[in-house]
Protein backbone atom coordinates (compact mmCIF):
# COMPACT_ATOMS: atom_id res chain seq x y z
CA MET A 1 -1.16 33.94 0.23
CA THR A 2 -1.71 31.26 2.82
CA CYS A 3 -4.41 28.59 2.54
CA TRP A 4 -6.10 30.26 5.54
CA ALA A 5 -6.23 33.59 3.73
CA LYS A 6 -7.76 31.97 0.64
CA LYS A 7 -10.57 30.53 2.69
CA VAL A 8 -11.84 33.94 3.72
CA LEU A 9 -13.70 34.50 0.45
CA LEU A 10 -16.38 31.91 0.07
CA VAL A 11 -15.83 29.08 2.47
CA ALA A 12 -17.52 29.06 5.78
CA CYS A 13 -15.84 27.45 8.65
CA LEU A 14 -16.22 30.38 10.90
CA LEU A 15 -18.33 32.69 12.68
CA PRO A 16 -22.30 37.51 16.26
CA GLN A 17 -22.98 37.79 19.73
CA THR A 18 -26.56 38.41 20.73
CA ILE A 19 -27.62 41.85 19.52
CA ASP A 20 -29.95 44.25 21.22
CA SER A 21 -33.50 42.91 21.15
CA LEU A 22 -35.36 45.21 18.80
CA SER A 23 -38.63 44.46 17.07
CA THR A 24 -38.66 42.58 13.79
CA VAL A 25 -40.97 43.26 10.89
CA ALA A 26 -41.61 40.60 8.28
CA VAL A 27 -43.12 42.90 5.65
CA PRO A 28 -41.16 43.75 2.46
CA THR A 29 -40.43 47.47 2.17
CA ALA A 30 -40.81 47.40 -1.63
CA PRO A 31 -42.52 45.26 -4.29
CA ASN A 32 -40.85 41.97 -5.14
CA PRO A 33 -38.68 42.67 -8.21
CA LEU A 34 -38.98 38.99 -9.14
CA GLN A 35 -42.78 38.92 -9.13
CA ASP A 36 -42.86 38.62 -12.95
CA PHE A 37 -40.06 36.03 -13.08
CA ASP A 38 -41.20 33.18 -15.35
CA LEU A 39 -40.27 29.79 -13.88
CA THR A 40 -41.14 28.02 -17.11
CA THR A 41 -38.55 29.84 -19.22
CA ASN A 42 -35.87 30.98 -16.76
CA THR A 43 -33.44 28.69 -14.97
CA LYS A 44 -31.19 31.34 -13.43
CA LEU A 45 -31.95 34.31 -11.19
CA PRO A 46 -30.87 37.76 -12.37
CA TRP A 47 -28.25 39.52 -10.24
CA LEU A 48 -29.84 42.69 -8.83
CA GLN A 49 -27.38 44.83 -6.92
CA ASP A 50 -30.24 46.91 -5.47
CA GLY A 51 -31.52 43.80 -3.74
CA TYR A 52 -34.68 41.73 -3.86
CA GLN A 53 -36.97 41.93 -0.81
CA THR A 54 -36.26 43.39 2.62
CA TRP A 55 -37.00 42.07 6.10
CA LYS A 56 -36.36 44.31 9.11
CA TRP A 57 -34.50 42.30 11.73
CA ARG A 58 -33.20 43.87 14.94
CA ASN A 59 -33.30 47.25 13.22
CA HIS A 60 -31.22 46.03 10.27
CA ASP A 61 -32.19 45.47 6.64
CA ILE A 62 -32.00 41.82 5.62
CA ASN A 63 -32.12 41.08 1.92
CA TYR A 64 -34.03 37.96 0.96
CA ILE A 65 -35.61 36.14 -1.96
CA GLU A 66 -38.99 34.42 -1.94
CA MET A 67 -40.36 32.41 -4.84
CA GLY A 68 -42.96 29.69 -5.39
CA ASP A 69 -46.47 28.72 -4.32
CA PRO A 70 -47.12 29.60 -0.63
CA SER A 71 -49.34 26.53 -0.31
CA LYS A 72 -46.39 24.21 -1.02
CA PRO A 73 -43.78 22.91 1.47
CA ALA A 74 -41.12 25.47 2.37
CA ILE A 75 -37.38 25.34 1.79
CA VAL A 76 -34.96 27.91 3.25
CA LEU A 77 -31.53 28.17 1.59
CA ILE A 78 -28.64 29.62 3.62
CA HIS A 79 -25.41 30.74 1.96
CA GLY A 80 -21.83 30.41 3.17
CA PHE A 81 -19.16 32.90 4.20
CA GLY A 82 -18.57 35.70 1.70
CA ALA A 83 -21.54 34.77 -0.47
CA SER A 84 -25.18 35.89 -0.59
CA ALA A 85 -28.71 34.71 -1.33
CA TYR A 86 -27.82 35.06 -5.00
CA HIS A 87 -25.48 32.07 -4.69
CA TRP A 88 -28.64 29.94 -4.97
CA ARG A 89 -29.32 31.42 -8.42
CA TYR A 90 -29.80 28.03 -10.13
CA ASN A 91 -31.57 26.34 -7.24
CA ILE A 92 -34.34 28.81 -6.39
CA PRO A 93 -36.02 28.90 -9.84
CA ASP A 94 -35.99 25.12 -10.23
CA LEU A 95 -37.11 24.24 -6.70
CA ALA A 96 -39.76 26.99 -6.76
CA LYS A 97 -41.66 25.04 -9.41
CA ASP A 98 -42.71 22.63 -6.66
CA TYR A 99 -41.94 24.36 -3.37
CA HIS A 100 -42.15 27.66 -1.51
CA VAL A 101 -38.50 28.71 -1.57
CA PHE A 102 -36.67 31.33 0.49
CA ALA A 103 -33.06 32.49 0.71
CA PHE A 104 -31.65 35.33 2.81
CA CYS A 105 -28.36 37.20 3.06
CA LYS A 106 -26.76 36.79 6.46
CA LEU A 107 -26.27 39.88 8.57
CA GLY A 108 -22.91 41.35 7.57
CA PHE A 109 -22.87 39.75 4.11
CA GLY A 110 -24.37 40.03 0.68
CA LEU A 111 -26.94 42.78 0.31
CA SER A 112 -27.92 42.81 4.00
CA SER A 113 -26.84 45.47 6.51
CA LYS A 114 -23.26 45.31 7.75
CA PRO A 115 -23.29 46.72 11.28
CA VAL A 116 -19.99 47.07 13.11
CA GLN A 117 -20.44 44.69 16.03
CA GLU A 118 -19.02 41.48 17.42
CA TYR A 119 -19.81 38.41 15.30
CA ALA A 120 -20.33 34.84 16.43
CA ALA A 121 -22.26 31.84 15.10
CA GLU A 122 -25.16 32.57 17.44
CA VAL A 123 -26.15 35.70 15.51
CA TRP A 124 -26.81 33.81 12.28
CA ARG A 125 -28.48 31.01 14.22
CA ASP A 126 -30.84 33.57 15.76
CA GLN A 127 -31.36 35.20 12.37
CA ALA A 128 -32.36 31.87 10.81
CA VAL A 129 -34.75 31.04 13.66
CA ASP A 130 -36.39 34.48 13.50
CA PHE A 131 -36.62 34.25 9.71
CA LEU A 132 -38.61 31.04 10.10
CA LYS A 133 -40.91 32.71 12.63
CA GLU A 134 -41.34 36.10 11.00
CA VAL A 135 -41.11 35.47 7.26
CA VAL A 136 -41.64 31.78 6.43
CA GLN A 137 -44.26 31.27 9.16
CA LYS A 138 -44.50 27.51 8.64
CA PRO A 139 -42.21 24.47 9.02
CA ALA A 140 -39.43 24.23 6.46
CA VAL A 141 -36.43 22.25 5.34
CA LEU A 142 -33.20 24.18 5.96
CA ALA A 143 -30.43 23.73 3.39
CA GLY A 144 -27.06 25.39 3.84
CA ASN A 145 -23.69 25.46 2.14
CA SER A 146 -20.46 25.59 4.15
CA LEU A 147 -21.01 28.10 6.97
CA GLY A 148 -24.65 28.17 5.93
CA GLY A 149 -24.73 24.45 6.65
CA PHE A 150 -23.48 25.07 10.16
CA THR A 151 -26.09 27.81 10.60
CA SER A 152 -28.83 25.44 9.40
CA LEU A 153 -27.70 22.72 11.80
CA TYR A 154 -27.35 25.17 14.71
CA ALA A 155 -30.85 26.57 14.13
CA ALA A 156 -32.44 23.13 13.74
CA ALA A 157 -30.85 21.92 16.99
CA THR A 158 -32.23 24.91 18.91
CA ASP A 159 -35.18 23.92 21.10
CA GLU A 160 -37.40 26.83 20.06
CA ALA A 161 -36.96 26.00 16.37
CA LYS A 162 -37.36 22.22 16.38
CA SER A 163 -41.07 22.34 15.60
CA MET A 164 -40.36 24.62 12.63
CA VAL A 165 -37.73 22.44 10.94
CA ASN A 166 -38.77 19.43 8.86
CA GLY A 167 -35.22 18.51 7.94
CA VAL A 168 -31.68 19.76 7.32
CA VAL A 169 -29.51 19.54 4.20
CA LEU A 170 -25.77 20.06 4.65
CA LEU A 171 -23.96 20.94 1.45
CA ASN A 172 -20.31 20.64 2.49
CA GLY A 173 -21.21 22.02 5.87
CA ALA A 174 -18.57 23.70 7.99
CA GLY A 175 -17.82 23.24 11.67
CA ARG A 176 -15.43 21.67 14.16
CA PHE A 177 -15.58 18.20 15.66
CA ARG A 178 -14.55 17.21 19.17
CA ASP A 179 -11.76 14.97 17.93
CA GLY A 180 -10.05 17.97 16.36
CA MET A 181 -7.52 20.15 18.09
CA PRO A 182 -8.19 20.20 21.84
CA ALA A 183 -8.76 23.54 23.50
CA GLN A 184 -5.82 24.65 25.61
CA GLU A 185 -5.73 27.27 28.29
CA LYS A 186 -3.03 29.88 27.80
CA GLU A 187 -1.68 32.57 30.03
CA THR A 188 -2.67 35.98 28.75
CA ASN A 189 -0.36 38.93 28.40
CA PRO A 190 -2.19 42.21 27.58
CA LEU A 191 0.80 43.68 25.74
CA VAL A 192 1.35 40.59 23.64
CA GLU A 193 -2.37 40.34 22.90
CA SER A 194 -2.56 43.95 21.73
CA ILE A 195 0.43 43.46 19.42
CA GLN A 196 -1.03 40.24 18.05
CA LYS A 197 -4.36 41.94 17.42
CA PHE A 198 -2.64 44.83 15.62
CA ILE A 199 -0.69 42.46 13.37
CA GLN A 200 -3.78 40.36 12.78
CA ARG A 201 -5.75 43.44 11.70
CA LEU A 202 -3.02 44.40 9.22
CA VAL A 203 -2.88 40.91 7.74
CA ILE A 204 -6.66 40.50 7.49
CA GLY A 205 -7.04 44.02 6.12
CA ALA A 206 -4.49 43.36 3.40
CA SER A 207 -6.18 40.05 2.62
CA PHE A 208 -9.54 41.81 2.23
CA VAL A 209 -8.10 44.34 -0.23
CA VAL A 210 -6.61 41.55 -2.34
CA THR A 211 -9.51 39.11 -2.25
CA LYS A 212 -12.17 41.66 -3.25
CA GLN A 213 -10.52 42.23 -6.63
CA PRO A 214 -12.64 40.64 -9.43
CA ALA A 215 -9.76 38.65 -10.91
CA ARG A 216 -8.79 37.31 -7.49
CA ILE A 217 -12.40 36.42 -6.65
CA ALA A 218 -12.70 34.47 -9.91
CA GLN A 219 -9.39 32.72 -9.26
CA ILE A 220 -10.42 31.56 -5.78
CA LEU A 221 -13.84 30.46 -6.97
CA ARG A 222 -12.38 28.35 -9.76
CA GLN A 223 -10.22 26.57 -7.18
CA VAL A 224 -13.35 25.40 -5.37
CA TYR A 225 -15.29 24.63 -8.59
CA PRO A 226 -12.81 21.92 -9.72
CA ILE A 227 -15.18 19.93 -11.95
CA ASN A 228 -17.01 22.72 -13.77
CA ALA A 229 -15.14 25.99 -13.38
CA ASP A 230 -17.17 27.49 -16.23
CA MET A 231 -19.96 28.03 -13.71
CA VAL A 232 -17.87 30.91 -12.34
CA ASP A 233 -19.23 33.81 -14.39
CA ASP A 234 -19.25 37.60 -14.16
CA GLU A 235 -22.55 37.72 -12.26
CA LEU A 236 -21.27 35.40 -9.54
CA VAL A 237 -18.06 37.40 -9.18
CA GLU A 238 -20.00 40.67 -9.03
CA SER A 239 -22.34 39.27 -6.36
CA ILE A 240 -19.27 38.88 -4.14
CA ARG A 241 -17.40 42.02 -5.20
CA TYR A 242 -20.26 44.52 -4.94
CA PRO A 243 -21.09 43.92 -1.25
CA SER A 244 -17.40 44.42 -0.41
CA LEU A 245 -17.75 48.10 -1.43
CA ASP A 246 -19.91 48.80 1.63
CA PRO A 247 -18.09 51.21 3.99
CA ASN A 248 -18.33 48.69 6.85
CA ALA A 249 -17.42 45.60 4.83
CA ALA A 250 -13.71 45.59 5.71
CA GLU A 251 -14.38 45.97 9.45
CA VAL A 252 -17.04 43.24 9.40
CA PHE A 253 -14.61 41.00 7.52
CA TYR A 254 -11.95 41.60 10.18
CA ARG A 255 -14.31 40.98 13.07
CA VAL A 256 -15.67 37.74 11.64
CA ILE A 257 -12.21 36.35 10.85
CA SER A 258 -10.48 37.49 14.02
CA LYS A 259 -13.17 36.10 16.31
CA ASN A 260 -13.87 32.90 14.43
CA GLY A 261 -10.59 32.00 12.75
CA ASN A 262 -10.62 28.52 14.28
CA GLY A 263 -14.23 27.82 13.40
CA PRO A 264 -17.46 28.23 15.37
CA SER A 265 -17.14 27.71 19.12
CA VAL A 266 -19.91 25.08 19.18
CA TYR A 267 -18.99 21.56 18.12
CA VAL A 268 -20.84 19.79 15.32
CA ASP A 269 -21.00 16.73 17.61
CA ASP A 270 -23.07 18.61 20.19
CA LEU A 271 -25.49 19.95 17.59
CA LEU A 272 -26.01 16.51 16.07
CA GLU A 273 -26.72 15.06 19.49
CA ASN A 274 -29.53 17.59 19.89
CA LEU A 275 -30.92 17.21 16.36
CA GLU A 276 -34.37 15.63 16.09
CA CYS A 277 -35.12 15.77 12.36
CA PRO A 278 -34.01 14.01 9.15
CA LEU A 279 -30.57 14.98 7.84
CA LEU A 280 -29.20 14.85 4.30
CA LEU A 281 -25.52 15.19 3.46
CA CYS A 282 -25.34 16.48 -0.10
CA TRP A 283 -21.59 16.51 -0.51
CA GLY A 284 -19.28 17.81 -3.21
CA GLU A 285 -16.74 15.01 -3.15
CA TYR A 286 -13.93 17.11 -4.67
CA ASP A 287 -13.99 19.95 -2.16
CA PRO A 288 -10.40 21.13 -1.51
CA TRP A 289 -11.42 22.84 1.74
CA ILE A 290 -13.97 20.62 3.52
CA ARG A 291 -13.10 17.04 2.63
CA PRO A 292 -15.56 14.13 2.36
CA GLN A 293 -14.12 12.83 5.64
CA ALA A 294 -16.18 15.53 7.37
CA ALA A 295 -19.33 13.90 6.00
CA ASP A 296 -18.02 10.53 7.19
CA LYS A 297 -17.76 11.94 10.72
CA VAL A 298 -21.30 13.31 10.59
CA GLN A 299 -22.60 9.90 9.52
CA ALA A 300 -20.71 8.20 12.33
CA ILE A 301 -22.31 10.55 14.89
CA TYR A 302 -25.75 10.63 13.23
CA PRO A 303 -26.21 7.22 11.55
CA ALA A 304 -29.70 8.07 10.33
CA ALA A 305 -28.27 10.70 7.98
CA GLN A 306 -28.78 10.15 4.27
CA ARG A 307 -25.92 10.91 1.91
CA VAL A 308 -25.72 11.87 -1.75
CA SER A 309 -22.32 12.31 -3.40
CA ILE A 310 -22.05 15.11 -5.96
CA ASP A 311 -19.34 15.48 -8.60
CA ALA A 312 -18.40 18.98 -7.50
CA GLY A 313 -16.24 20.96 -5.12
CA HIS A 314 -17.02 23.24 -2.19
CA CYS A 315 -20.22 24.72 -3.67
CA PRO A 316 -22.05 21.75 -5.20
CA HIS A 317 -25.36 23.63 -5.40
CA ASP A 318 -23.87 26.11 -7.88
CA GLU A 319 -21.36 23.87 -9.64
CA ALA A 320 -23.76 20.97 -10.17
CA PRO A 321 -27.23 22.47 -9.56
CA GLU A 322 -29.25 19.80 -11.37
CA ALA A 323 -27.88 16.99 -9.21
CA VAL A 324 -28.28 19.00 -6.01
CA ASN A 325 -31.81 20.14 -6.87
CA GLN A 326 -32.85 16.53 -7.45
CA ALA A 327 -31.28 15.43 -4.17
CA ILE A 328 -33.09 18.20 -2.27
CA ARG A 329 -36.37 17.31 -4.02
CA ASN A 330 -36.08 13.67 -3.03
CA PHE A 331 -35.26 14.63 0.54
CA VAL A 332 -38.13 17.10 0.89
CA GLU A 333 -40.56 14.55 -0.48
CA SER A 334 -39.33 11.94 1.99
CA THR A 335 -39.70 14.33 4.93
CA THR A 336 -43.17 15.55 3.99
CA SER A 337 -44.48 12.03 3.29
CA LYS A 338 -43.67 11.03 6.88
CA LYS A 339 -45.83 13.78 8.37
């Protein structure tokens, strides 16, 4: 299996076109199953395959988690490609002791709806912005891992959301820089394009079948948890495997990969130039997929960015949660003290 095929499970360098504008409802459709969760004795969220709370967004069910005192500053955690809100299982309980914490499953992933549609980075950007408006309803710090980092940055750099974002935390954030491969115009041949698309569908389809197997999921995860692979447990594997059983999961997987195989169309440089809030780079320094040099580039473009190095790989928040939670705490305190 190629390196590119391995990335399709939990990384996040990729990614729906604006959907039809339907009304959103920010009211849970069922009681919060975590309402009796004891923050003083539990450090890890339980995996609930039936979901947590539901937000209706553009006529789709969005699974989300909310925990903590509503009077405290808000933090919104955004997962990466192939993961879910559950990936913040060690962060939510700890941070909720002092903050009002949210995490949602992106449209097409986790326990959220998986509509068959075109997917691009703008869909998750819009989802994050609307989540702030409809559910959080107050300014928040956005923290995202991998693709979730790109979503956080994209949302924070959007004019309509700037007043709602106190700061951004990138945990090995994905995205392309302008000094990468230059875009090239190519002559199009309809026949060649149709053949390429057919072959691409076969390859991506086969990759999906392989990568959704529990043993294969665990193997890939351990590759990106190089310092503490023991954090890869059955619950984490199941939180990735179970959503792949959805009837639309394979088609969504194909559409995301085929449209965004080279990364989001918007450059990180452009988003940073439009960013007007504090930025923290909380970086797993042993990431085999998104190297520390990416954080170096962000700092060069946005010199005001703070940086904390974590002894972890691609998912520092789950591999080294104590260090990441402390870094986020310090950052949130610094952003709120300036207001």
